[in-house]
N, C-alpha and C. Protein backbone atom coordinates (compact mmCIF):
# COMPACT_ATOMS: atom_id res chain seq x y z
N MET A 1 0.34 -1.05 -0.08
CA MET A 1 0.02 -0.11 0.12
C MET A 1 1.02 1.27 -0.23
N ILE A 2 0.65 2.36 -0.56
CA ILE A 2 1.31 3.58 -1.03
C ILE A 2 1.54 4.35 0.62
N ASN A 3 0.70 4.35 0.76
CA ASN A 3 0.23 4.94 2.63
C ASN A 3 0.48 4.52 3.43
N SER A 4 1.67 3.03 3.28
CA SER A 4 1.91 2.54 4.78
C SER A 4 3.20 1.28 4.56
N LEU A 5 4.12 2.13 3.00
CA LEU A 5 5.25 1.02 2.79
C LEU A 5 5.94 0.72 3.72
N HIS A 6 6.09 1.68 4.94
CA HIS A 6 7.52 0.85 5.67
C HIS A 6 7.16 0.78 7.02
N CYS A 7 7.78 -0.22 8.57
CA CYS A 7 7.33 1.28 9.55
C CYS A 7 8.83 1.17 9.91
N HIS A 8 8.48 2.57 10.79
CA HIS A 8 9.45 2.73 11.12
C HIS A 8 9.23 3.25 13.25
N GLY A 9 10.03 1.95 13.80
CA GLY A 9 9.92 1.64 15.53
C GLY A 9 8.19 2.28 15.29
N GLY A 10 7.33 1.54 14.40
CA GLY A 10 6.41 1.08 15.19
C GLY A 10 5.19 1.17 14.32
N LYS A 11 5.85 3.11 13.72
CA LYS A 11 5.38 4.50 13.00
C LYS A 11 5.05 4.33 11.25
N ARG A 12 3.78 3.97 10.76
CA ARG A 12 3.42 3.72 9.57
C ARG A 12 4.09 4.72 9.00
N MET A 13 4.82 4.92 7.86
CA MET A 13 5.03 6.39 7.14
C MET A 13 4.51 6.59 5.92
N THR A 14 4.18 7.41 5.09
CA THR A 14 3.99 7.35 3.98
C THR A 14 5.01 7.20 2.90
N TYR A 15 4.51 6.86 2.08
CA TYR A 15 5.30 6.56 0.50
C TYR A 15 6.71 7.93 0.44
N ASP A 16 6.68 9.07 0.17
CA ASP A 16 7.55 10.62 0.87
C ASP A 16 8.38 9.91 1.57
N GLN A 17 7.51 10.20 2.58
CA GLN A 17 8.69 9.55 4.17
C GLN A 17 9.48 8.38 4.19
N ASP A 18 9.10 6.95 3.59
CA ASP A 18 9.66 6.25 3.44
C ASP A 18 10.40 6.38 2.78
N TRP A 19 10.27 7.33 1.86
CA TRP A 19 11.54 7.68 0.37
C TRP A 19 12.63 8.08 1.27
N ASP A 20 12.11 9.49 1.34
CA ASP A 20 13.13 10.30 2.64
C ASP A 20 13.47 9.30 3.23
N ALA A 21 13.56 8.49 3.86
CA ALA A 21 13.58 8.03 5.46
C ALA A 21 15.03 6.97 4.32
N ARG A 22 14.94 6.14 3.60
CA ARG A 22 15.70 5.17 3.06
C ARG A 22 17.46 6.69 2.01
N LEU A 23 16.48 7.21 1.83
CA LEU A 23 17.66 8.22 1.12
C LEU A 23 18.57 8.52 1.62
N ASN A 24 17.34 9.58 3.13
CA ASN A 24 18.42 10.12 4.14
C ASN A 24 18.08 10.49 4.86
N PRO A 25 18.74 8.43 5.86
CA PRO A 25 17.97 7.92 6.72
C PRO A 25 19.29 8.88 8.20
N PHE A 26 20.49 9.80 7.50
CA PHE A 26 20.41 10.74 8.42
C PHE A 26 19.40 11.26 9.50
N ARG A 27 18.65 11.83 8.43
CA ARG A 27 17.41 13.14 8.77
C ARG A 27 16.89 12.40 9.97
N TYR A 28 16.32 10.28 10.09
CA TYR A 28 15.65 9.88 11.34
C TYR A 28 16.40 9.60 12.58
N ASN A 29 15.81 10.06 13.23
CA ASN A 29 15.62 9.25 14.92
C ASN A 29 15.04 7.72 14.59
N ALA A 30 15.38 6.42 15.58
CA ALA A 30 15.66 5.54 15.66
C ALA A 30 14.50 5.12 16.05
N ASP A 31 13.57 5.71 16.64
CA ASP A 31 12.05 5.89 16.19
C ASP A 31 11.60 5.77 14.84
N GLY A 32 11.41 6.74 13.65
CA GLY A 32 11.31 6.98 12.77
C GLY A 32 10.90 8.04 12.82
N THR A 33 11.49 9.55 13.77
CA THR A 33 10.57 10.50 13.76
C THR A 33 11.83 11.47 12.85
N LEU A 34 11.66 12.63 12.75
CA LEU A 34 12.39 13.40 11.95
C LEU A 34 13.64 13.84 13.09
N THR A 35 14.50 14.41 13.26
CA THR A 35 15.66 14.82 14.18
C THR A 35 15.42 15.52 13.70
N ASP A 36 15.91 16.77 15.13
CA ASP A 36 15.46 18.13 14.96
C ASP A 36 16.20 18.70 13.86
N ALA A 37 17.28 18.70 13.89
CA ALA A 37 18.16 19.01 11.69
C ALA A 37 17.30 19.19 11.43
N ALA A 38 16.46 18.59 11.20
CA ALA A 38 15.93 17.55 9.75
C ALA A 38 14.42 19.04 9.80
N LYS A 39 14.32 18.76 10.98
CA LYS A 39 12.97 19.47 10.86
C LYS A 39 13.15 21.09 11.32
N ARG A 40 14.31 21.91 11.34
CA ARG A 40 14.56 23.44 11.08
C ARG A 40 15.07 23.20 9.36
N GLN A 41 15.49 22.01 8.58
CA GLN A 41 15.87 22.33 7.17
C GLN A 41 14.41 22.66 7.21
N ASN A 42 13.26 21.35 7.29
CA ASN A 42 11.93 21.44 6.76
C ASN A 42 11.44 22.83 6.65
N VAL A 43 11.46 23.40 8.31
CA VAL A 43 10.60 24.44 7.68
C VAL A 43 11.26 25.90 7.56
N THR A 44 12.27 25.66 7.19
CA THR A 44 13.80 26.78 6.26
C THR A 44 13.28 26.75 5.00
N MET A 45 13.41 25.55 4.23
CA MET A 45 12.85 25.13 3.30
C MET A 45 11.23 25.85 2.63
N GLU A 46 10.31 25.38 4.03
CA GLU A 46 8.81 25.63 3.68
C GLU A 46 8.80 27.65 3.40
N LEU A 47 9.46 27.67 4.85
CA LEU A 47 9.49 29.37 4.53
C LEU A 47 10.47 29.90 3.39
N ASN A 48 11.22 29.69 2.16
CA ASN A 48 11.77 29.87 1.52
C ASN A 48 11.32 29.89 0.31
N SER A 49 10.03 28.73 0.02
CA SER A 49 9.27 28.74 -0.51
C SER A 49 8.26 29.08 -0.85
N ALA A 50 7.60 30.21 0.38
CA ALA A 50 6.54 31.12 0.71
C ALA A 50 6.59 32.17 -0.05
N GLY A 51 7.50 33.06 0.10
CA GLY A 51 7.91 33.65 -1.39
C GLY A 51 7.70 35.01 -0.70
N GLY A 52 7.91 35.17 0.98
CA GLY A 52 7.93 36.22 1.52
C GLY A 52 8.66 37.54 1.35
N GLY A 53 8.84 37.74 1.98
CA GLY A 53 10.23 39.05 1.95
C GLY A 53 11.49 38.57 1.37
N GLY A 54 12.16 39.32 1.98
CA GLY A 54 13.91 39.22 1.75
C GLY A 54 14.28 38.17 0.57
N GLY A 55 13.11 37.81 -0.81
CA GLY A 55 13.85 37.63 -2.47
C GLY A 55 14.17 36.34 -1.62
N GLY A 56 13.30 35.02 -0.99
CA GLY A 56 13.42 34.32 -0.68
C GLY A 56 12.27 33.44 -1.95
N GLY A 57 12.34 32.17 -1.90
CA GLY A 57 10.99 31.25 -3.07
C GLY A 57 11.72 31.24 -4.24
N ALA A 58 11.58 30.27 -5.13
CA ALA A 58 11.63 30.45 -6.69
C ALA A 58 10.39 31.59 -7.05
N GLY A 59 11.63 32.79 -8.28
CA GLY A 59 10.59 33.16 -8.53
C GLY A 59 9.45 34.07 -8.65
N HIS A 60 9.90 34.31 -6.40
CA HIS A 60 9.82 35.43 -6.12
C HIS A 60 10.02 36.74 -5.56
N GLY A 61 9.89 38.09 -5.29
CA GLY A 61 10.88 38.52 -5.11
C GLY A 61 11.44 39.58 -6.35
N GLY A 62 11.66 40.70 -5.84
CA GLY A 62 12.48 41.36 -6.24
C GLY A 62 11.36 41.38 -8.96
N GLY A 63 10.42 41.66 -8.30
CA GLY A 63 9.89 41.88 -9.90
C GLY A 63 10.54 40.72 -10.52
N ARG A 64 10.65 38.90 -10.23
CA ARG A 64 10.61 38.11 -11.48
C ARG A 64 9.58 37.59 -10.96
N GLN A 65 9.51 36.87 -11.85
CA GLN A 65 7.75 36.14 -12.21
C GLN A 65 8.32 34.20 -12.70
N THR A 66 7.45 33.07 -12.65
CA THR A 66 7.93 31.73 -12.63
C THR A 66 7.10 31.41 -13.12
N SER A 67 7.98 30.86 -13.98
CA SER A 67 8.05 30.81 -15.86
C SER A 67 7.86 29.05 -16.21
N VAL A 68 6.41 28.63 -15.76
CA VAL A 68 6.09 27.06 -16.53
C VAL A 68 5.58 27.23 -17.71
N ARG A 69 6.59 25.94 -17.74
CA ARG A 69 5.85 24.95 -19.48
C ARG A 69 5.28 24.23 -19.82
N THR A 70 4.21 25.06 -19.44
CA THR A 70 2.83 23.44 -18.94
C THR A 70 2.73 22.00 -19.58
N ALA A 71 3.57 22.85 -21.39
CA ALA A 71 3.58 21.51 -22.50
C ALA A 71 4.35 20.78 -21.96
N VAL A 72 5.55 20.67 -21.29
CA VAL A 72 6.78 19.59 -20.39
C VAL A 72 6.48 19.19 -19.36
N LEU A 73 5.55 19.79 -18.91
CA LEU A 73 4.57 18.74 -17.18
C LEU A 73 3.69 18.08 -18.53
N THR A 74 3.41 18.26 -19.16
CA THR A 74 1.53 16.87 -19.38
C THR A 74 2.60 16.35 -20.20
N LYS A 75 4.58 16.78 -21.05
CA LYS A 75 4.54 15.63 -21.79
C LYS A 75 5.52 14.91 -20.64
N ALA A 76 5.74 14.99 -19.56
CA ALA A 76 6.16 14.54 -18.51
C ALA A 76 5.20 13.22 -18.26
N ALA A 77 4.02 13.88 -17.72
CA ALA A 77 2.62 12.75 -17.89
C ALA A 77 2.24 11.83 -18.45
N LYS A 78 3.00 12.19 -19.69
CA LYS A 78 2.54 11.21 -21.12
C LYS A 78 3.45 10.06 -20.37
N ALA A 79 5.20 10.34 -20.67
CA ALA A 79 6.55 9.16 -20.59
C ALA A 79 6.08 8.38 -19.65
N LEU A 80 5.20 9.30 -17.84
CA LEU A 80 4.92 8.54 -16.82
C LEU A 80 3.99 7.45 -17.43
N GLU A 81 2.78 7.89 -17.91
CA GLU A 81 2.01 6.98 -18.52
C GLU A 81 1.98 5.79 -19.18
N ASP A 82 2.99 5.90 -19.96
CA ASP A 82 2.82 5.22 -21.02
C ASP A 82 4.68 3.89 -20.05
N LEU A 83 5.40 4.48 -19.29
CA LEU A 83 6.02 3.23 -18.24
C LEU A 83 5.56 2.45 -17.41
N ARG A 84 4.49 3.40 -16.92
CA ARG A 84 3.26 2.87 -16.65
C ARG A 84 2.56 1.75 -17.47
N GLY A 85 2.92 1.61 -18.70
CA GLY A 85 1.44 1.00 -18.93
C GLY A 85 2.88 -0.34 -19.29
N ASP A 86 3.66 0.22 -19.62
CA ASP A 86 4.89 -1.08 -20.30
C ASP A 86 5.76 -1.97 -19.05
N THR A 87 5.24 -1.05 -18.01
CA THR A 87 5.79 -1.95 -16.38
C THR A 87 4.94 -2.78 -15.83
N ASP A 88 3.31 -2.34 -16.44
CA ASP A 88 2.51 -3.50 -16.17
C ASP A 88 2.52 -4.24 -16.37
N LYS A 89 2.95 -4.27 -18.22
CA LYS A 89 3.17 -5.39 -19.23
C LYS A 89 4.04 -6.07 -18.79
N VAL A 90 5.57 -5.93 -17.80
CA VAL A 90 6.46 -6.29 -18.02
C VAL A 90 6.29 -7.79 -16.72
N ASP A 91 5.51 -6.61 -15.38
CA ASP A 91 5.27 -7.21 -14.07
C ASP A 91 4.24 -8.38 -14.72
N GLN A 92 3.73 -7.95 -15.68
CA GLN A 92 2.33 -9.25 -16.35
C GLN A 92 2.75 -10.62 -16.16
N HIS A 93 3.78 -10.88 -17.45
CA HIS A 93 4.38 -11.62 -17.98
C HIS A 93 5.35 -12.12 -16.75
N ALA A 94 5.66 -11.63 -15.83
CA ALA A 94 6.75 -11.92 -15.00
C ALA A 94 6.26 -13.10 -14.02
N LEU A 95 5.02 -12.39 -13.93
CA LEU A 95 3.92 -12.94 -12.62
C LEU A 95 4.20 -14.29 -12.81
N SER A 96 3.44 -14.26 -14.19
CA SER A 96 2.91 -15.26 -14.80
C SER A 96 4.35 -16.45 -15.16
N GLU A 97 5.27 -16.01 -16.10
CA GLU A 97 5.58 -17.19 -15.44
C GLU A 97 6.43 -17.13 -13.90
N THR A 98 6.60 -17.02 -13.34
CA THR A 98 6.88 -17.18 -11.44
C THR A 98 5.65 -18.12 -11.22
N ASP A 99 4.92 -18.11 -12.31
CA ASP A 99 3.31 -19.03 -11.35
C ASP A 99 3.70 -20.41 -11.91
N ILE A 100 4.02 -20.54 -13.93
CA ILE A 100 3.83 -21.17 -14.53
C ILE A 100 5.76 -22.09 -13.26
N ALA A 101 6.42 -21.97 -13.76
CA ALA A 101 7.89 -22.44 -12.79
C ALA A 101 7.07 -22.78 -11.15
N SER A 102 6.66 -22.13 -10.88
CA SER A 102 6.23 -22.28 -8.87
C SER A 102 5.42 -24.36 -9.26
N SER A 103 4.19 -23.49 -10.41
CA SER A 103 3.11 -25.47 -10.24
C SER A 103 4.58 -26.07 -11.24
N ALA A 104 5.36 -26.10 -12.13
CA ALA A 104 6.40 -27.00 -12.35
C ALA A 104 7.06 -27.88 -11.32
N LEU A 105 7.53 -26.77 -9.98
CA LEU A 105 8.21 -27.75 -9.04
C LEU A 105 7.47 -28.20 -8.02
N TYR A 106 5.91 -27.84 -8.36
CA TYR A 106 5.31 -28.40 -7.09
C TYR A 106 5.76 -29.85 -6.38
N GLY A 107 5.81 -28.91 -4.80
CA GLY A 107 5.88 -30.76 -4.04
C GLY A 107 7.44 -29.87 -3.55
N TRP A 108 8.00 -28.95 -4.05
CA TRP A 108 10.07 -28.96 -3.67
C TRP A 108 9.48 -27.50 -2.88
N ARG A 109 10.88 -27.49 -1.82
CA ARG A 109 11.04 -26.28 -0.97
C ARG A 109 11.24 -25.20 -2.46
N THR A 110 11.60 -25.69 -3.39
CA THR A 110 11.89 -24.08 -4.38
C THR A 110 10.65 -23.40 -5.17
N ALA A 111 9.45 -23.64 -4.68
CA ALA A 111 8.32 -24.04 -5.60
C ALA A 111 8.11 -23.04 -3.55
N ASP A 112 7.82 -22.87 -3.43
CA ASP A 112 7.20 -22.45 -2.20
C ASP A 112 7.72 -21.31 -2.36
N ALA A 113 8.99 -20.84 -2.31
CA ALA A 113 10.17 -19.84 -2.10
C ALA A 113 9.82 -18.88 -4.07
N LEU A 114 9.18 -20.04 -4.45
CA LEU A 114 9.12 -18.73 -5.95
C LEU A 114 7.61 -18.34 -5.29
N GLY A 115 6.58 -18.57 -4.54
CA GLY A 115 5.20 -18.46 -3.84
C GLY A 115 5.20 -17.23 -3.86
N THR A 116 6.56 -17.18 -1.97
CA THR A 116 6.53 -16.29 -2.07
C THR A 116 7.41 -15.02 -2.23
N MET A 117 7.86 -14.94 -3.35
CA MET A 117 8.38 -13.98 -4.32
C MET A 117 8.32 -13.60 -4.80
N HIS A 118 7.16 -14.24 -5.82
CA HIS A 118 5.82 -14.19 -6.27
C HIS A 118 4.84 -12.76 -5.38
N ARG A 119 4.43 -13.04 -4.09
CA ARG A 119 3.73 -12.48 -3.60
C ARG A 119 4.50 -10.70 -3.29
N ARG A 120 5.16 -11.31 -3.42
CA ARG A 120 6.10 -10.38 -3.25
C ARG A 120 6.43 -9.19 -4.17
N TRP A 121 7.25 -9.27 -5.32
CA TRP A 121 7.09 -9.12 -7.05
C TRP A 121 6.02 -8.24 -7.02
N ALA A 122 4.08 -9.26 -6.70
CA ALA A 122 2.32 -8.51 -6.48
C ALA A 122 2.17 -7.34 -6.25
N ASP A 123 3.12 -7.40 -4.56
CA ASP A 123 3.05 -6.45 -3.87
C ASP A 123 3.67 -5.30 -5.01
N GLU A 124 5.28 -5.29 -4.81
CA GLU A 124 6.16 -4.01 -5.33
C GLU A 124 5.45 -3.44 -6.68
N ALA A 125 4.71 -4.82 -7.58
CA ALA A 125 4.21 -4.03 -8.86
C ALA A 125 3.13 -2.51 -8.61
N VAL A 126 2.85 -3.73 -7.59
CA VAL A 126 1.03 -3.09 -7.37
C VAL A 126 1.96 -1.64 -6.77
N ASN A 127 2.59 -1.25 -6.25
CA ASN A 127 2.79 0.08 -5.40
C ASN A 127 4.10 0.85 -6.41
N LEU A 128 4.50 0.39 -7.00
CA LEU A 128 5.07 0.95 -8.29
C LEU A 128 3.84 1.86 -9.14
N SER A 129 3.32 0.79 -10.26
CA SER A 129 2.20 1.46 -10.53
C SER A 129 1.21 2.24 -10.11
N LYS A 130 0.36 2.00 -8.71
CA LYS A 130 0.55 3.60 -7.95
C LYS A 130 1.20 4.86 -8.15
N LEU A 131 2.12 4.70 -7.70
CA LEU A 131 3.07 5.22 -7.24
C LEU A 131 3.25 6.68 -8.37
N LEU A 132 3.57 5.83 -9.84
CA LEU A 132 3.64 6.33 -11.08
C LEU A 132 1.62 6.72 -11.56
N SER A 133 0.94 6.43 -11.51
CA SER A 133 -0.42 6.69 -11.29
C SER A 133 -0.43 8.46 -10.71
N ASP A 134 0.09 8.04 -9.28
CA ASP A 134 -0.48 9.36 -8.70
C ASP A 134 1.13 10.52 -9.18
N ALA A 135 2.29 10.59 -9.99
CA ALA A 135 3.10 11.30 -10.08
C ALA A 135 2.04 12.05 -11.19
N THR A 136 2.03 11.30 -12.31
CA THR A 136 1.14 11.60 -14.01
C THR A 136 0.04 12.63 -13.30
N MET A 137 -0.86 11.89 -12.13
CA MET A 137 -2.36 12.98 -11.82
C MET A 137 -1.76 14.32 -11.47
N LYS A 138 -0.71 13.96 -10.27
CA LYS A 138 0.14 14.80 -9.69
C LYS A 138 0.69 16.68 -10.75
N LEU A 139 0.73 15.31 -11.75
CA LEU A 139 1.90 16.42 -13.19
C LEU A 139 0.72 17.17 -13.62
N HIS A 140 -0.59 16.24 -13.94
CA HIS A 140 -1.04 16.72 -14.68
C HIS A 140 -2.57 17.39 -14.00
N ASN A 141 -2.13 17.41 -12.80
CA ASN A 141 -2.92 18.79 -11.27
C ASN A 141 -2.34 20.01 -11.62
N THR A 142 -1.03 19.61 -11.74
CA THR A 142 0.10 20.92 -11.72
C THR A 142 -0.23 21.60 -13.22
N SER A 143 -0.57 21.59 -14.11
CA SER A 143 -0.16 21.42 -15.62
C SER A 143 -1.74 22.46 -15.88
N ASN A 144 -3.06 21.74 -15.19
CA ASN A 144 -3.58 22.83 -15.20
C ASN A 144 -4.25 23.20 -14.18
N SER A 145 -3.52 23.50 -12.92
CA SER A 145 -3.75 24.47 -12.34
C SER A 145 -2.83 25.85 -12.80
N TYR A 146 -1.92 25.51 -13.66
CA TYR A 146 -1.43 26.35 -14.34
C TYR A 146 -1.77 27.57 -14.94
N ASP A 147 -2.21 26.52 -16.14
CA ASP A 147 -3.57 26.85 -16.91
C ASP A 147 -4.24 28.12 -16.76
N GLU A 148 -5.21 27.53 -16.20
CA GLU A 148 -5.72 27.99 -15.36
C GLU A 148 -5.72 29.16 -14.60
N THR A 149 -4.88 29.60 -13.95
CA THR A 149 -4.01 30.63 -13.18
C THR A 149 -4.00 31.61 -13.97
N ASP A 150 -3.21 31.11 -15.36
CA ASP A 150 -2.89 31.63 -16.66
C ASP A 150 -4.05 32.19 -17.50
N HIS A 151 -4.88 31.64 -17.28
CA HIS A 151 -6.62 31.90 -17.88
C HIS A 151 -7.09 32.59 -17.20
N ALA A 152 -6.88 32.81 -15.83
CA ALA A 152 -7.85 33.87 -15.08
C ALA A 152 -6.47 35.20 -14.52
N GLU A 153 -5.29 35.08 -14.93
CA GLU A 153 -4.83 36.46 -14.65
C GLU A 153 -5.08 37.13 -16.17
N LYS A 154 -4.70 36.73 -17.36
CA LYS A 154 -4.80 37.04 -18.44
C LYS A 154 -5.74 37.82 -18.52
N SER A 155 -7.64 37.69 -17.41
CA SER A 155 -8.84 37.74 -17.45
C SER A 155 -8.88 39.34 -16.90
N ARG A 156 -8.18 38.53 -16.16
CA ARG A 156 -8.70 39.78 -15.18
C ARG A 156 -7.07 41.04 -15.49
N MET A 157 -6.46 40.92 -16.24
CA MET A 157 -5.57 41.74 -16.82
C MET A 157 -6.22 42.22 -18.34
N ASP A 158 -7.42 41.54 -18.91
CA ASP A 158 -7.70 42.00 -19.72
C ASP A 158 -9.33 43.16 -19.64
N SER A 159 -9.28 42.84 -17.97
CA SER A 159 -10.44 43.71 -17.80
C SER A 159 -9.42 44.67 -16.72
N LEU A 160 -8.67 45.30 -16.55
CA LEU A 160 -8.10 46.04 -16.01
C LEU A 160 -7.33 46.60 -17.33
N ASP A 161 -7.67 46.13 -18.42
CA ASP A 161 -7.43 47.19 -19.84
C ASP A 161 -8.32 47.41 -20.48
N GLY A 162 -9.38 46.77 -19.91
CA GLY A 162 -10.58 47.42 -21.06
C GLY A 162 -10.67 46.42 -22.25
N GLY A 163 -9.73 45.41 -21.95
CA GLY A 163 -10.30 44.30 -23.12
C GLY A 163 -9.00 44.76 -24.45
N ARG A 164 -8.20 45.49 -24.14
CA ARG A 164 -7.47 45.75 -24.92
C ARG A 164 -6.23 45.68 -25.20
N ASN A 165 -6.19 45.03 -26.05
CA ASN A 165 -4.63 43.77 -25.72
C ASN A 165 -3.63 44.76 -27.38
C-alpha cells in the first residue's frame, strides 16, 4: 500500500517519508521521527518557498515571475503513463512465468520460495504502478492549475485594460 509502505519504530510512514528515510537516514531518529535538525531544515525550506520578503522562494521577489511550461509537464505525464503501461505488461509477464515455474516445481521447497517471491513482486508491482499513477495525476493537476491561473490572470489583466490587447 502506498500510504503505509514501511514501518519505522512501529510508526507507519507515507511513501514520501519512507523514500526520504531510505535516501536520507541521517534525518531520522531510531523511532522514525525527524531529527531536530531535519525539522529546522523543513521549516527553512517552507519559509524560503513561501516567497515572502527577503527575496526567498523561486520566482518571487525582485519583480521576477515564475515561468512554467505546461507542455513540459504534460509531456512528462505522458512519459510516466507510457512507463506505467510498459511496467504493468512486464510485471504481468514475470508473474505469469513465476506461476508456471512454481507449478512445475510443485512439492519442492523451491516452489514455496517462488510463491513467496511472487507475492512480494506483485505487491511491489502494485506499489510502483500506484506511484507512477499518482505522479502522473500530480503532473496533470499542476499543469491544469497553472493553465487555469494563467487564464484567470489574463482575464483579470484584460478587464483592467478595458479588453484592449
